[in-house]
Amino acid sequence: MQELATWVEASTLAAALRGPGYLYMLVNTAHILGLSLMIGAIVPLDLRLVGIIRGPDIRVIGPFLSRAAGAGLLLILLTGPALWSVNAVEYLDNTAFLWKMLLVALGIATIVIQHAGHGWRQTIITGRITLTTRVIAATSLLIWLSTLLAGRWIGFL
């Protein structure tokens, strides 16, 4: 992994991001925009699925919030590796970064499990939220908020 990080850090993209200009700022801003969009959609969706928020019909807000979170995640996945490339070797030694990567993988796994399962489709069709769907949503909420915390923690180690 160290060899890959060294190669990535020496890439043209990493050099451009470290160079003068606004490229790093723009990529970082896009990453934060993706994070805001994803967390801003996942938190209310999961809170609604868990039952903490009662209100808008899940059949109406569920698909919209799910797509918004997906768009945010896509933006994060496109910009995150570019930001990592700037200090790839150093990040591999950062415990918070490693935790963040593990949590991102777990978060994506919860998305796949939720959307592949029968419960999500049933919820969107009928408006009835199964216990399994609620448990996965609670797990998702915990994982994504932990990911956010780990991401902020990176700068303090």
Protein backbone atom coordinates (compact mmCIF):
# COMPACT_ATOMS: atom_id res chain seq x y z
CA MET A 1 0.00 0.00 0.00
CA GLN A 2 2.93 2.29 0.76
CA GLU A 3 4.22 1.88 -2.81
CA LEU A 4 0.83 2.81 -4.24
CA ALA A 5 0.66 5.87 -1.98
CA THR A 6 4.14 6.97 -3.07
CA TRP A 7 3.20 6.54 -6.74
CA VAL A 8 -0.08 8.45 -6.27
CA GLU A 9 1.68 11.25 -4.43
CA ALA A 10 4.10 11.62 -7.37
CA SER A 11 1.28 11.77 -9.92
CA THR A 12 0.53 14.73 -12.16
CA LEU A 13 -2.79 15.25 -10.38
CA ALA A 14 -1.17 15.42 -6.95
CA ALA A 15 1.46 17.84 -8.26
CA ALA A 16 -1.25 20.04 -9.77
CA LEU A 17 -3.21 20.04 -6.50
CA ARG A 18 -0.08 20.99 -4.53
CA GLY A 19 0.86 23.68 -7.03
CA PRO A 20 -0.10 27.32 -7.05
CA GLY A 21 -3.62 28.13 -8.05
CA TYR A 22 -7.11 27.26 -7.05
CA LEU A 23 -7.35 23.61 -8.02
CA TYR A 24 -6.97 22.21 -4.49
CA MET A 25 -9.49 24.72 -3.15
CA LEU A 26 -12.02 23.79 -5.85
CA VAL A 27 -11.62 20.03 -5.33
CA ASN A 28 -11.83 20.46 -1.55
CA THR A 29 -14.95 22.60 -1.94
CA ALA A 30 -16.53 19.95 -4.17
CA HIS A 31 -15.68 17.31 -1.54
CA ILE A 32 -17.33 19.36 1.20
CA LEU A 33 -20.35 19.97 -1.04
CA GLY A 34 -20.66 16.22 -1.58
CA LEU A 35 -20.33 15.60 2.15
CA SER A 36 -22.99 18.21 2.91
CA LEU A 37 -25.36 16.77 0.34
CA MET A 38 -24.84 13.19 1.52
CA ILE A 39 -25.06 13.84 5.28
CA GLY A 40 -27.86 16.36 4.74
CA ALA A 41 -29.91 13.66 3.00
CA ILE A 42 -28.88 10.53 4.92
CA VAL A 43 -29.50 11.92 8.39
CA PRO A 44 -33.17 12.92 7.82
CA LEU A 45 -33.79 9.76 5.77
CA ASP A 46 -32.38 7.48 8.45
CA LEU A 47 -34.14 9.41 11.24
CA ARG A 48 -37.41 9.00 9.34
CA LEU A 49 -36.80 5.29 8.76
CA VAL A 50 -35.87 4.72 12.41
CA GLY A 51 -39.05 6.51 13.48
CA ILE A 52 -37.50 9.45 15.33
CA ILE A 53 -38.92 11.83 12.74
CA ARG A 54 -42.56 11.32 11.99
CA GLY A 55 -43.99 13.35 9.23
CA PRO A 56 -43.48 13.34 5.54
CA ASP A 57 -44.61 10.19 3.82
CA ILE A 58 -41.56 7.96 3.32
CA ARG A 59 -42.90 7.04 -0.13
CA VAL A 60 -42.45 10.69 -1.12
CA ILE A 61 -39.24 11.72 0.63
CA GLY A 62 -37.47 8.35 0.61
CA PRO A 63 -36.60 8.18 -3.09
CA PHE A 64 -35.64 11.88 -3.21
CA LEU A 65 -33.39 11.76 -0.14
CA SER A 66 -31.85 8.49 -1.28
CA ARG A 67 -30.93 9.97 -4.68
CA ALA A 68 -29.60 13.16 -3.07
CA ALA A 69 -27.40 11.12 -0.74
CA GLY A 70 -26.22 9.05 -3.70
CA ALA A 71 -25.26 12.18 -5.63
CA GLY A 72 -23.33 13.45 -2.62
CA LEU A 73 -21.57 10.12 -2.18
CA LEU A 74 -20.59 10.08 -5.85
CA LEU A 75 -19.06 13.55 -5.52
CA ILE A 76 -17.18 12.45 -2.39
CA LEU A 77 -15.87 9.33 -4.13
CA LEU A 78 -14.69 11.40 -7.09
CA THR A 79 -12.92 14.09 -5.05
CA GLY A 80 -11.67 12.12 -2.04
CA PRO A 81 -8.94 10.18 -3.85
CA ALA A 82 -7.69 13.41 -5.44
CA LEU A 83 -7.41 15.05 -2.01
CA TRP A 84 -5.71 11.93 -0.64
CA SER A 85 -3.13 12.09 -3.43
CA VAL A 86 -1.64 15.29 -2.05
CA ASN A 87 -0.31 13.56 1.11
CA ALA A 88 -1.06 9.91 0.45
CA VAL A 89 1.90 8.47 2.36
CA GLU A 90 1.24 10.64 5.41
CA TYR A 91 -2.47 9.77 5.43
CA LEU A 92 -1.67 6.06 5.59
CA ASP A 93 0.01 6.71 8.96
CA ASN A 94 -2.99 8.67 10.28
CA THR A 95 -5.22 6.52 12.51
CA ALA A 96 -8.24 8.77 11.97
CA PHE A 97 -7.86 8.51 8.18
CA LEU A 98 -7.73 4.72 8.40
CA TRP A 99 -10.84 4.71 10.59
CA LYS A 100 -12.57 7.02 8.13
CA MET A 101 -11.79 4.68 5.22
CA LEU A 102 -13.08 1.68 7.16
CA LEU A 103 -16.25 3.56 8.10
CA VAL A 104 -16.82 4.71 4.51
CA ALA A 105 -16.59 1.09 3.38
CA LEU A 106 -19.07 0.05 6.11
CA GLY A 107 -21.36 2.95 5.19
CA ILE A 108 -21.38 1.91 1.54
CA ALA A 109 -22.07 -1.67 2.63
CA THR A 110 -25.13 -0.52 4.61
CA ILE A 111 -26.39 1.34 1.53
CA VAL A 112 -25.99 -1.79 -0.60
CA ILE A 113 -27.65 -3.99 2.04
CA GLN A 114 -30.55 -1.55 2.53
CA HIS A 115 -31.24 -1.07 -1.16
CA ALA A 116 -30.74 -4.72 -2.12
CA GLY A 117 -33.13 -5.90 0.55
CA HIS A 118 -36.85 -6.44 0.21
CA GLY A 119 -37.59 -4.06 3.10
CA TRP A 120 -36.52 -0.89 1.27
CA ARG A 121 -38.65 -1.69 -1.79
CA GLN A 122 -41.56 -2.60 0.46
CA THR A 123 -41.18 0.67 2.35
CA ILE A 124 -41.15 2.78 -0.82
CA ILE A 125 -44.17 0.96 -2.24
CA THR A 126 -46.36 0.64 0.87
CA GLY A 127 -45.04 3.25 3.29
CA ARG A 128 -44.66 0.58 5.96
CA ILE A 129 -41.16 0.38 7.45
CA THR A 130 -39.97 -3.06 8.47
CA LEU A 131 -37.91 -3.70 11.58
CA THR A 132 -34.96 -4.77 9.42
CA THR A 133 -35.14 -1.49 7.48
CA ARG A 134 -35.20 0.43 10.77
CA VAL A 135 -32.18 -1.45 12.15
CA ILE A 136 -30.18 -0.90 8.97
CA ALA A 137 -31.11 2.81 9.03
CA ALA A 138 -29.99 3.13 12.66
CA THR A 139 -26.72 1.40 11.77
CA SER A 140 -26.28 3.69 8.76
CA LEU A 141 -26.86 6.78 10.88
CA LEU A 142 -24.28 5.67 13.43
CA ILE A 143 -21.72 4.79 10.75
CA TRP A 144 -22.06 7.99 8.70
CA LEU A 145 -21.94 10.27 11.75
CA SER A 146 -18.87 8.35 12.95
CA THR A 147 -17.33 8.81 9.49
CA LEU A 148 -17.91 12.55 9.76
CA LEU A 149 -16.23 12.58 13.17
CA ALA A 150 -13.27 10.54 11.91
CA GLY A 151 -12.86 12.92 8.97
CA ARG A 152 -12.68 15.91 11.28
CA TRP A 153 -10.30 14.00 13.57
CA ILE A 154 -7.73 13.58 10.75
CA GLY A 155 -6.46 17.14 11.13
CA PHE A 156 -5.88 16.73 14.87
CA LEU A 157 -3.51 13.74 14.66
